[in-house]
Protein backbone atom coordinates (compact mmCIF):
# COMPACT_ATOMS: atom_id res chain seq x y z
CA UNK A 1 137.42 77.79 134.28
CA UNK A 2 138.23 81.33 133.10
CA UNK A 3 136.61 84.65 133.92
CA UNK A 4 134.99 84.84 130.45
CA UNK A 5 133.59 81.31 130.75
CA UNK A 6 132.03 82.01 134.16
CA UNK A 7 130.59 85.33 133.00
CA UNK A 8 128.99 83.63 129.99
CA UNK A 9 127.80 80.76 132.20
CA UNK A 10 125.98 83.12 134.55
CA UNK A 11 124.31 84.86 131.63
CA UNK A 12 123.11 81.81 129.68
CA UNK A 13 123.01 78.76 131.96
CA UNK A 14 119.38 78.00 132.88
CA UNK A 15 120.27 76.36 136.19
CA UNK A 16 122.00 79.54 137.38
CA UNK A 17 119.14 81.64 136.01
CA UNK A 18 116.71 79.66 138.17
CA UNK A 19 118.92 80.02 141.26
CA UNK A 20 119.13 83.77 140.60
CA UNK A 21 115.46 84.35 139.69
CA UNK A 22 113.12 86.63 141.66
CA UNK A 23 110.76 83.74 142.45
CA UNK A 24 113.57 81.34 143.34
CA UNK A 25 112.23 80.39 146.78
CA UNK A 26 108.66 79.81 145.62
CA UNK A 27 109.67 77.94 142.44
CA UNK A 28 112.21 75.64 144.08
CA UNK A 29 109.97 74.91 147.07
CA UNK A 30 107.11 73.97 144.76
CA UNK A 31 109.28 71.79 142.52
CA UNK A 32 110.72 70.00 145.56
CA UNK A 33 107.22 69.47 146.98
CA UNK A 34 105.80 67.98 143.74
CA UNK A 35 108.70 66.05 142.22
CA UNK A 36 110.68 65.01 145.31
CA UNK A 37 108.28 64.76 148.23
CA UNK A 38 105.28 63.54 146.20
CA UNK A 39 107.60 61.65 143.80
CA UNK A 40 105.89 62.64 140.55
CA UNK A 41 107.90 61.90 137.40
CA UNK A 42 105.32 63.38 135.04
CA UNK A 43 102.18 65.22 136.16
CA UNK A 44 99.06 66.27 134.29
CA UNK A 45 98.02 69.86 133.71
CA UNK A 46 94.99 69.50 135.98
CA UNK A 47 96.96 67.97 138.88
CA UNK A 48 99.82 70.46 138.84
CA UNK A 49 97.45 73.45 138.68
CA UNK A 50 95.53 72.12 141.69
CA UNK A 51 98.74 71.65 143.69
CA UNK A 52 100.09 75.06 142.64
CA UNK A 53 96.81 76.76 143.58
CA UNK A 54 96.93 75.29 147.10
CA UNK A 55 100.65 76.05 147.42
CA UNK A 56 100.26 79.73 146.44
CA UNK A 57 97.19 80.11 148.64
CA UNK A 58 99.14 78.95 151.72
CA UNK A 59 102.07 81.29 150.94
CA UNK A 60 99.76 84.27 150.40
CA UNK A 61 97.92 83.54 153.66
CA UNK A 62 101.18 83.48 155.61
CA UNK A 63 103.15 86.26 153.88
CA UNK A 64 100.40 88.63 152.76
CA UNK A 65 99.53 88.11 149.09
CA UNK A 66 103.12 88.24 147.80
CA UNK A 67 102.25 86.17 144.71
CA UNK A 68 99.29 87.95 143.07
CA UNK A 69 99.24 86.19 139.68
CA UNK A 70 97.02 83.18 138.93
CA UNK A 71 98.44 79.62 139.16
CA UNK A 72 98.04 79.30 135.38
CA UNK A 73 100.21 82.38 134.79
CA UNK A 74 102.96 81.09 137.10
CA UNK A 75 102.82 77.66 135.44
CA UNK A 76 103.20 79.28 132.00
CA UNK A 77 106.24 81.16 133.36
CA UNK A 78 107.77 77.86 134.52
CA UNK A 79 107.27 76.14 131.14
CA UNK A 80 107.95 78.90 128.59
CA UNK A 81 110.99 78.78 126.27
CA UNK A 82 112.77 81.54 128.16
CA UNK A 83 112.68 79.84 131.58
CA UNK A 84 112.35 76.13 130.68
CA UNK A 85 112.08 75.09 134.33
CA UNK A 86 109.46 72.53 133.28
CA UNK A 87 109.03 70.61 130.05
CA UNK A 88 105.48 70.73 128.62
CA UNK A 89 104.23 68.20 126.07
CA UNK A 90 101.18 66.16 125.11
CA UNK A 91 101.02 62.51 126.17
CA UNK A 92 99.77 59.56 124.14
CA UNK A 93 96.22 60.18 125.40
CA UNK A 94 96.26 63.80 124.25
CA UNK A 95 96.55 65.16 127.81
CA UNK A 96 99.00 67.96 128.62
CA UNK A 97 101.90 66.73 130.81
CA UNK A 98 104.72 68.43 132.75
CA UNK A 99 108.08 67.17 133.99
CA UNK A 100 111.32 68.67 135.32
CA UNK A 101 114.05 69.63 132.86
CA UNK A 102 117.68 68.62 133.55
CA UNK A 103 118.46 72.25 134.44
CA UNK A 104 115.87 72.26 137.24
CA UNK A 105 117.00 68.81 138.40
CA UNK A 106 120.53 70.19 138.68
CA UNK A 107 119.30 73.21 140.65
CA UNK A 108 117.52 70.91 143.14
CA UNK A 109 120.66 68.83 143.49
CA UNK A 110 122.76 71.96 144.18
CA UNK A 111 120.32 73.29 146.80
CA UNK A 112 120.12 69.91 148.54
CA UNK A 113 123.92 69.73 148.66
CA UNK A 114 124.00 73.13 150.42
CA UNK A 115 121.98 71.89 153.39
CA UNK A 116 124.09 71.82 156.54
CA UNK A 117 124.44 68.32 157.89
CA UNK A 118 125.15 67.61 161.52
CA UNK A 119 127.14 64.55 160.55
CA UNK A 120 129.42 64.24 157.51
CA UNK A 121 130.74 60.76 156.71
CA UNK A 122 134.20 61.51 155.30
CA UNK A 123 135.58 58.05 156.13
CA UNK A 124 132.99 56.18 154.02
CA UNK A 125 133.45 58.56 151.09
CA UNK A 126 137.21 58.08 151.16
CA UNK A 127 136.80 54.30 151.38
CA UNK A 128 134.45 54.42 148.37
CA UNK A 129 137.01 56.45 146.37
CA UNK A 130 139.81 54.11 147.44
CA UNK A 131 137.84 51.01 146.44
CA UNK A 132 136.99 52.49 143.03
CA UNK A 133 140.66 53.33 142.43
CA UNK A 134 141.71 49.84 143.50
CA UNK A 135 139.22 48.20 141.15
CA UNK A 136 140.19 50.46 138.23
CA UNK A 137 143.93 49.81 138.64
CA UNK A 138 143.34 46.09 139.19
CA UNK A 139 141.38 45.76 135.94
CA UNK A 140 143.70 47.91 133.79
CA UNK A 141 147.32 48.03 135.02
CA UNK A 142 148.03 44.73 136.78
CA UNK A 143 149.48 41.73 134.97
CA UNK A 144 147.88 38.30 135.40
CA UNK A 145 150.52 37.37 138.00
CA UNK A 146 149.86 40.56 139.99
CA UNK A 147 146.08 40.01 139.75
CA UNK A 148 146.40 36.50 141.17
CA UNK A 149 148.65 37.77 144.01
CA UNK A 150 146.14 40.54 144.81
CA UNK A 151 143.23 38.09 144.91
CA UNK A 152 145.20 35.77 147.23
CA UNK A 153 145.87 38.76 149.50
CA UNK A 154 142.14 39.53 149.60
CA UNK A 155 141.44 35.85 150.31
CA UNK A 156 143.83 35.95 153.27
CA UNK A 157 142.02 39.01 154.68
CA UNK A 158 138.66 37.23 154.30
CA UNK A 159 140.06 34.17 156.09
CA UNK A 160 141.17 36.39 158.98
CA UNK A 161 137.68 37.91 159.18
CA UNK A 162 136.15 34.44 159.29
CA UNK A 163 138.53 33.43 162.09
CA UNK A 164 137.66 36.60 164.03
CA UNK A 165 133.92 35.94 163.68
CA UNK A 166 134.35 32.32 164.76
CA UNK A 167 136.37 33.54 167.77
CA UNK A 168 133.37 35.76 168.73
CA UNK A 169 135.34 38.97 168.23
CA UNK A 170 133.18 42.10 167.78
CA UNK A 171 134.19 43.46 164.36
CA UNK A 172 130.78 44.78 163.29
CA UNK A 173 130.14 48.40 162.29
CA UNK A 174 129.55 50.82 165.13
CA UNK A 175 126.75 53.41 165.04
CA UNK A 176 128.99 56.00 163.36
CA UNK A 177 129.93 53.74 160.42
CA UNK A 178 126.33 52.60 159.92
CA UNK A 179 125.22 56.23 159.58
CA UNK A 180 128.15 57.04 157.27
CA UNK A 181 127.31 54.19 154.90
CA UNK A 182 123.61 55.05 154.86
CA UNK A 183 124.26 58.72 154.09
CA UNK A 184 126.58 57.74 151.24
CA UNK A 185 123.94 55.35 149.83
CA UNK A 186 121.29 58.08 150.10
CA UNK A 187 123.51 60.65 148.39
CA UNK A 188 124.40 58.35 145.48
CA UNK A 189 120.75 57.27 145.07
CA UNK A 190 119.60 60.89 144.92
CA UNK A 191 122.26 61.77 142.34
CA UNK A 192 121.36 58.71 140.26
CA UNK A 193 117.70 59.75 140.10
CA UNK A 194 118.70 63.30 139.12
CA UNK A 195 120.99 61.92 136.39
CA UNK A 196 118.04 60.20 134.71
CA UNK A 197 116.71 63.52 133.42
CA UNK A 198 120.00 64.33 131.65
CA UNK A 199 120.27 60.79 130.23
CA UNK A 200 116.74 61.09 128.83
CA UNK A 201 117.52 64.43 127.16
CA UNK A 202 120.71 63.01 125.61
CA UNK A 203 118.71 60.11 124.15
CA UNK A 204 116.06 62.56 122.94
CA UNK A 205 118.74 64.51 121.03
CA UNK A 206 119.92 61.32 119.31
CA UNK A 207 116.34 60.41 118.43
CA UNK A 208 115.70 63.93 117.14
CA UNK A 209 118.61 63.64 114.69
CA UNK A 210 117.16 60.34 113.43
CA UNK A 211 113.71 61.90 112.97
CA UNK A 212 115.21 64.83 111.06
CA UNK A 213 116.96 62.39 108.74
CA UNK A 214 113.67 60.57 108.13
CA UNK A 215 111.85 63.84 107.40
CA UNK A 216 114.43 65.25 104.97
CA UNK A 217 115.75 62.19 103.14
CA UNK A 218 114.93 61.18 99.58
CA UNK A 219 116.66 57.82 99.81
CA UNK A 220 114.99 54.47 99.29
CA UNK A 221 113.60 52.49 102.20
CA UNK A 222 116.63 50.24 102.50
CA UNK A 223 119.02 53.21 102.55
CA UNK A 224 117.10 55.05 105.26
CA UNK A 225 116.58 51.92 107.35
CA UNK A 226 120.29 51.17 107.17
CA UNK A 227 121.21 54.66 108.39
CA UNK A 228 118.53 54.60 111.12
CA UNK A 229 119.73 51.25 112.42
CA UNK A 230 123.24 52.69 112.45
CA UNK A 231 121.95 55.52 114.65
CA UNK A 232 120.24 53.05 117.00
CA UNK A 233 123.47 51.04 117.20
CA UNK A 234 125.38 54.22 117.98
CA UNK A 235 122.93 54.96 120.82
CA UNK A 236 123.40 51.49 122.30
CA UNK A 237 127.16 51.35 121.69
CA UNK A 238 127.91 54.83 123.08
CA UNK A 239 129.45 54.98 126.57
CA UNK A 240 126.22 56.35 128.02
CA UNK A 241 124.12 53.79 126.12
CA UNK A 242 126.25 50.86 127.30
CA UNK A 243 126.12 52.10 130.88
CA UNK A 244 122.35 52.69 130.87
CA UNK A 245 121.35 49.43 129.20
CA UNK A 246 123.69 47.47 131.48
CA UNK A 247 121.99 49.20 134.44
CA UNK A 248 118.54 48.41 132.97
CA UNK A 249 119.50 44.75 132.59
CA UNK A 250 120.65 44.58 136.22
CA UNK A 251 117.49 46.29 137.41
CA UNK A 252 115.31 43.90 135.40
CA UNK A 253 117.09 40.81 136.69
CA UNK A 254 114.68 38.97 139.00
CA UNK A 255 117.40 37.74 141.37
CA UNK A 256 119.10 41.13 141.66
CA UNK A 257 115.74 42.87 142.11
CA UNK A 258 114.69 40.48 144.87
CA UNK A 259 118.04 40.90 146.58
CA UNK A 260 117.72 44.71 146.43
CA UNK A 261 114.25 44.54 148.03
CA UNK A 262 115.52 42.33 150.84
CA UNK A 263 118.52 44.58 151.53
CA UNK A 264 116.35 47.72 151.66
CA UNK A 265 113.97 45.99 154.06
CA UNK A 266 116.87 44.91 156.29
CA UNK A 267 118.34 48.42 156.07
CA UNK A 268 115.29 50.00 157.72
CA UNK A 269 115.32 47.44 160.51
CA UNK A 270 118.49 49.13 161.81
CA UNK A 271 117.88 51.53 164.68
CA UNK A 272 120.60 53.93 163.46
CA UNK A 273 118.97 54.23 160.01
CA UNK A 274 115.54 54.84 161.55
CA UNK A 275 117.05 57.73 163.53
CA UNK A 276 118.72 59.28 160.46
CA UNK A 277 115.86 58.75 157.95
CA UNK A 278 112.49 58.86 159.72
CA UNK A 279 110.62 59.37 156.42
CA UNK A 280 112.02 56.21 154.81
CA UNK A 281 113.23 57.98 151.67
CA UNK A 282 114.89 54.85 150.23
CA UNK A 283 112.15 52.32 151.02
CA UNK A 284 110.79 52.51 147.48
CA UNK A 285 114.14 53.07 145.76
CA UNK A 286 113.72 50.10 143.42
CA UNK A 287 110.33 51.25 142.13
CA UNK A 288 111.56 54.84 141.71
CA UNK A 289 114.51 53.61 139.63
CA UNK A 290 112.27 51.32 137.57
CA UNK A 291 109.81 54.12 136.79
CA UNK A 292 112.58 56.53 135.76
CA UNK A 293 114.49 53.94 133.73
CA UNK A 294 111.32 52.72 132.01
CA UNK A 295 110.60 56.30 130.94
CA UNK A 296 114.05 56.49 129.29
CA UNK A 297 113.60 53.10 127.61
CA UNK A 298 110.37 54.37 126.03
CA UNK A 299 112.34 57.20 124.38
CA UNK A 300 114.39 54.68 122.39
CA UNK A 301 111.19 52.75 121.57
CA UNK A 302 109.84 55.89 119.87
CA UNK A 303 112.59 55.56 117.26
CA UNK A 304 111.10 52.23 116.17
CA UNK A 305 107.68 53.89 115.98
CA UNK A 306 109.14 56.55 113.67
CA UNK A 307 110.59 53.81 111.48
CA UNK A 308 107.20 52.12 111.20
CA UNK A 309 105.56 55.40 110.17
CA UNK A 310 108.32 56.05 107.63
CA UNK A 311 107.76 52.64 106.01
CA UNK A 312 103.98 53.21 105.94
CA UNK A 313 104.48 56.60 104.28
CA UNK A 314 106.87 55.13 101.71
CA UNK A 315 104.40 52.37 100.82
CA UNK A 316 101.62 54.96 100.44
CA UNK A 317 103.77 57.12 98.15
CA UNK A 318 104.77 54.13 96.01
CA UNK A 319 101.16 52.96 95.69
CA UNK A 320 100.14 56.46 94.70
CA UNK A 321 102.81 56.50 91.99
CA UNK A 322 101.53 53.18 90.63
CA UNK A 323 97.98 54.55 90.48
CA UNK A 324 99.21 57.66 88.64
CA UNK A 325 100.98 55.48 86.03
CA UNK A 326 97.83 53.39 85.57
CA UNK A 327 95.83 56.59 85.08
CA UNK A 328 98.28 57.83 82.44
CA UNK A 329 97.98 54.51 80.57
CA UNK A 330 94.18 54.76 80.60
CA UNK A 331 94.28 58.34 79.30
CA UNK A 332 96.71 57.37 76.53
CA UNK A 333 94.51 54.44 75.53
CA UNK A 334 91.49 56.74 75.22
CA UNK A 335 93.51 59.19 73.10
CA UNK A 336 94.46 56.55 70.49
CA UNK A 337 91.10 54.78 70.58
CA UNK A 338 89.80 56.58 67.45
CA UNK A 339 93.16 56.42 65.65
CA UNK A 340 94.80 53.09 66.47
CA UNK A 341 98.35 52.39 65.24
CA UNK A 342 98.60 50.63 61.86
CA UNK A 343 102.12 49.20 62.26
CA UNK A 344 102.50 45.58 63.29
CA UNK A 345 105.09 46.33 65.99
CA UNK A 346 103.56 49.43 67.48
CA UNK A 347 104.98 49.01 70.97
CA UNK A 348 108.35 47.93 72.40
CA UNK A 349 109.30 47.26 76.03
CA UNK A 350 112.97 47.49 77.01
CA UNK A 351 114.54 44.82 79.16
CA UNK A 352 113.23 41.35 80.01
CA UNK A 353 110.32 40.06 77.97
CA UNK A 354 107.03 40.67 79.77
CA UNK A 355 104.41 37.90 79.51
CA UNK A 356 101.11 39.35 78.26
CA UNK A 357 97.88 37.57 79.10
CA UNK A 358 95.73 38.48 76.08
CA UNK A 359 92.00 37.87 75.97
CA UNK A 360 92.47 36.10 72.61
CA UNK A 361 94.68 33.46 74.24
CA UNK A 362 91.87 32.26 76.49
CA UNK A 363 90.16 28.99 75.54
CA UNK A 364 86.67 28.99 74.00
CA UNK A 365 83.58 28.11 75.97
CA UNK A 366 83.16 24.37 76.62
CA UNK A 367 79.64 23.13 77.44
CA UNK A 368 79.38 21.18 80.67
CA UNK A 369 78.38 17.54 80.62
CA UNK A 370 74.75 16.86 81.43
CA UNK A 371 74.32 15.01 84.70
CA UNK A 372 71.24 12.86 85.28
CA UNK A 373 69.86 12.57 88.80
CA UNK A 374 67.84 9.68 90.17
CA UNK A 375 64.77 10.83 92.01
CA UNK A 376 65.13 8.36 94.82
CA UNK A 377 65.12 9.45 98.43
CA UNK A 378 66.98 7.27 100.87
CA UNK A 379 65.92 7.42 104.45
CA UNK A 380 68.85 7.43 106.86
CA UNK A 381 69.11 8.06 110.56
CA UNK A 382 71.39 11.03 111.34
CA UNK A 383 73.03 10.98 114.76
CA UNK A 384 74.01 14.39 116.18
CA UNK A 385 76.82 14.42 118.75
CA UNK A 386 75.79 17.11 121.25
CA UNK A 387 78.80 16.46 123.48
CA UNK A 388 80.99 18.50 121.13
CA UNK A 389 79.04 21.64 122.07
CA UNK A 390 80.16 21.26 125.69
CA UNK A 391 83.84 21.17 124.69
CA UNK A 392 83.78 24.86 123.85
CA UNK A 393 85.75 26.83 126.45
CA UNK A 394 86.77 30.39 127.08
CA UNK A 395 89.71 31.90 128.96
CA UNK A 396 88.77 33.80 132.11
CA UNK A 397 91.16 36.79 132.17
CA UNK A 398 90.01 37.80 135.66
CA UNK A 399 91.23 34.44 136.98
CA UNK A 400 94.59 34.99 135.28
CA UNK A 401 94.89 38.49 136.79
CA UNK A 402 94.08 37.00 140.19
CA UNK A 403 96.91 34.48 139.74
CA UNK A 404 99.36 37.31 138.97
CA UNK A 405 98.17 39.39 141.94
CA UNK A 406 98.49 36.37 144.23
CA UNK A 407 102.21 36.12 143.46
CA UNK A 408 102.70 39.91 143.72
CA UNK A 409 101.29 39.82 147.26
CA UNK A 410 104.24 37.70 148.40
CA UNK A 411 106.89 38.95 145.98
CA UNK A 412 107.83 42.42 144.70
CA UNK A 413 107.81 41.12 141.13
CA UNK A 414 107.12 37.95 139.21
CA UNK A 415 107.73 36.64 135.70
CA UNK A 416 105.32 34.84 133.39
CA UNK A 417 107.32 31.65 133.92
CA UNK A 418 106.84 31.88 137.69
CA UNK A 419 103.09 32.44 137.27
CA UNK A 420 102.77 29.45 134.93
CA UNK A 421 104.79 27.23 137.29
CA UNK A 422 102.57 28.20 140.22
CA UNK A 423 99.29 28.13 138.23
CA UNK A 424 99.78 25.68 135.31
CA UNK A 425 98.29 26.49 131.89
CA UNK A 426 95.42 24.10 131.15
CA UNK A 427 93.83 25.68 128.07
CA UNK A 428 96.82 25.80 125.75
CA UNK A 429 98.11 28.70 123.70
CA UNK A 430 94.83 30.66 124.09
CA UNK A 431 95.46 31.01 127.84
CA UNK A 432 99.10 31.99 127.20
CA UNK A 433 98.03 34.67 124.71
CA UNK A 434 95.62 36.02 127.35
CA UNK A 435 98.56 36.45 129.76
CA UNK A 436 100.46 38.42 127.09
CA UNK A 437 97.36 40.55 126.43
CA UNK A 438 97.10 41.34 130.15
CA UNK A 439 100.78 42.36 130.19
CA UNK A 440 100.34 44.62 127.16
CA UNK A 441 97.44 46.48 128.79
CA UNK A 442 99.08 46.71 132.25
CA UNK A 443 101.03 49.70 133.51
CA UNK A 444 103.10 47.54 135.87
CA UNK A 445 104.32 44.99 133.27
CA UNK A 446 107.63 45.02 131.40
CA UNK A 447 108.13 43.04 128.15
CA UNK A 448 111.77 42.04 127.53
CA UNK A 449 111.79 41.00 123.87
CA UNK A 450 115.54 40.26 123.88
CA UNK A 451 115.09 37.57 126.54
CA UNK A 452 113.15 34.35 125.94
CA UNK A 453 111.55 31.85 128.34
CA UNK A 454 110.62 28.21 127.76
CA UNK A 455 107.20 27.39 129.18
CA UNK A 456 105.64 23.95 129.62
CA UNK A 457 101.87 24.17 129.06
CA UNK A 458 98.92 21.82 128.53
CA UNK A 459 96.13 22.23 125.98
CA UNK A 460 92.44 21.46 126.56
CA UNK A 461 93.09 17.78 125.69
CA UNK A 462 95.79 17.50 128.36
CA UNK A 463 98.63 17.26 125.81
CA UNK A 464 101.91 18.87 127.00
CA UNK A 465 103.66 21.41 124.80
CA UNK A 466 106.85 23.49 125.01
CA UNK A 467 106.46 27.17 124.04
CA UNK A 468 109.17 29.84 123.61
CA UNK A 469 107.91 33.37 124.46
CA UNK A 470 109.45 36.79 125.29
CA UNK A 471 110.12 37.33 128.99
CA UNK A 472 107.32 39.20 130.80
CA UNK A 473 107.77 40.68 134.30
CA UNK A 474 104.99 42.14 136.47
CA UNK A 475 106.05 44.59 139.20
CA UNK A 476 104.10 45.32 142.34
CA UNK A 477 102.69 48.85 142.08
CA UNK A 478 103.53 51.34 144.83
CA UNK A 479 100.62 53.47 146.02
CA UNK A 480 102.52 55.66 148.42
């Protein structure tokens, strides 16, 4: 960290530019209010302008019109290329959206770390560092014999704890250690949420390189697809990719998710935690992490969308080339119509012999045999089975949604398998397809195509069937 590096950092780093800007207090207070207190991840143009208008009005009322520009002008200052405090883009519905950039996320993290705390848990932080070092050395440097000895030592400590508990000794955490652990959990959770913005931008850079390759390449479809899949593999196999997708798998695991919900609920039953965190900042930690992680997962999904468009464009170009060749053949045929070739072998095609279906090879017309009809009318009674009309059924999607909501009232999340086990499928594959359609059109559903579930269902005739489908998880929506 040299003098030249720090001088250049102050001049060009956008985080330091924000911290040193003239409107630092107003900008940071507004960003904290919208994206931390109100927990927006992305916000529409209309919503952010309304919030900014109210925010500036209150400041001007208190401090005497110190911010004279319109909310729209300040918002443009936040999102322009020079400042880049906010990222501005159009969503899938064509609506203008805003979100924090990694530079602004970092500035918020720095300012929050500067707040003076009455209580600093140094013991818990040291224990966390010590445990990480122990685990790292255990998994890298120890031989198998040393690993077994270390595990036996840990087992002996656990046995002593069990004996102490059975002997009614008080070895629980005191108030100080409870607060230390909670503050460490809160700090790590806050940093994790701030890290999501940087992870998303790193994935966006990788996707951007893939899109540039698609736009500039002249290779065939198989060549481009091979290189694109290599890029996707590099995203997943990179250190950051492995870490993120392992985290996403843990977060999507039903058992882990349920355990996290239970632990957070038990956490806020502690009197010491209620004293430290009256606002309950970690109560909805799981849903905050899911929303942020899902946003990153969608970035990688866009790469597949680009691939689909590339293939569609290639097919269109190839079809156009075929039509152009056909047009050239037609024009050439018209040109030689009045002066046909006189040679017997007037055309030659290189390569494999091409079968030609000539009109002269078709068989001549063959008259059909005459069929004589007897003009006799036989009277027969026709019986019409009306019961078959009553067998027609339809799938009531509202009833299926009600079944999903019933489980979400007692659980934070549920899978399609759990819904089917609780409310058995009675109308066969049509009812199962309706569940998948509901998931596709739901904002609180996650489709895990890499994981499969075996479902036992019944059709309308009562016949049992076994169906293999992608795993679908519905998550209870948070309205706070």
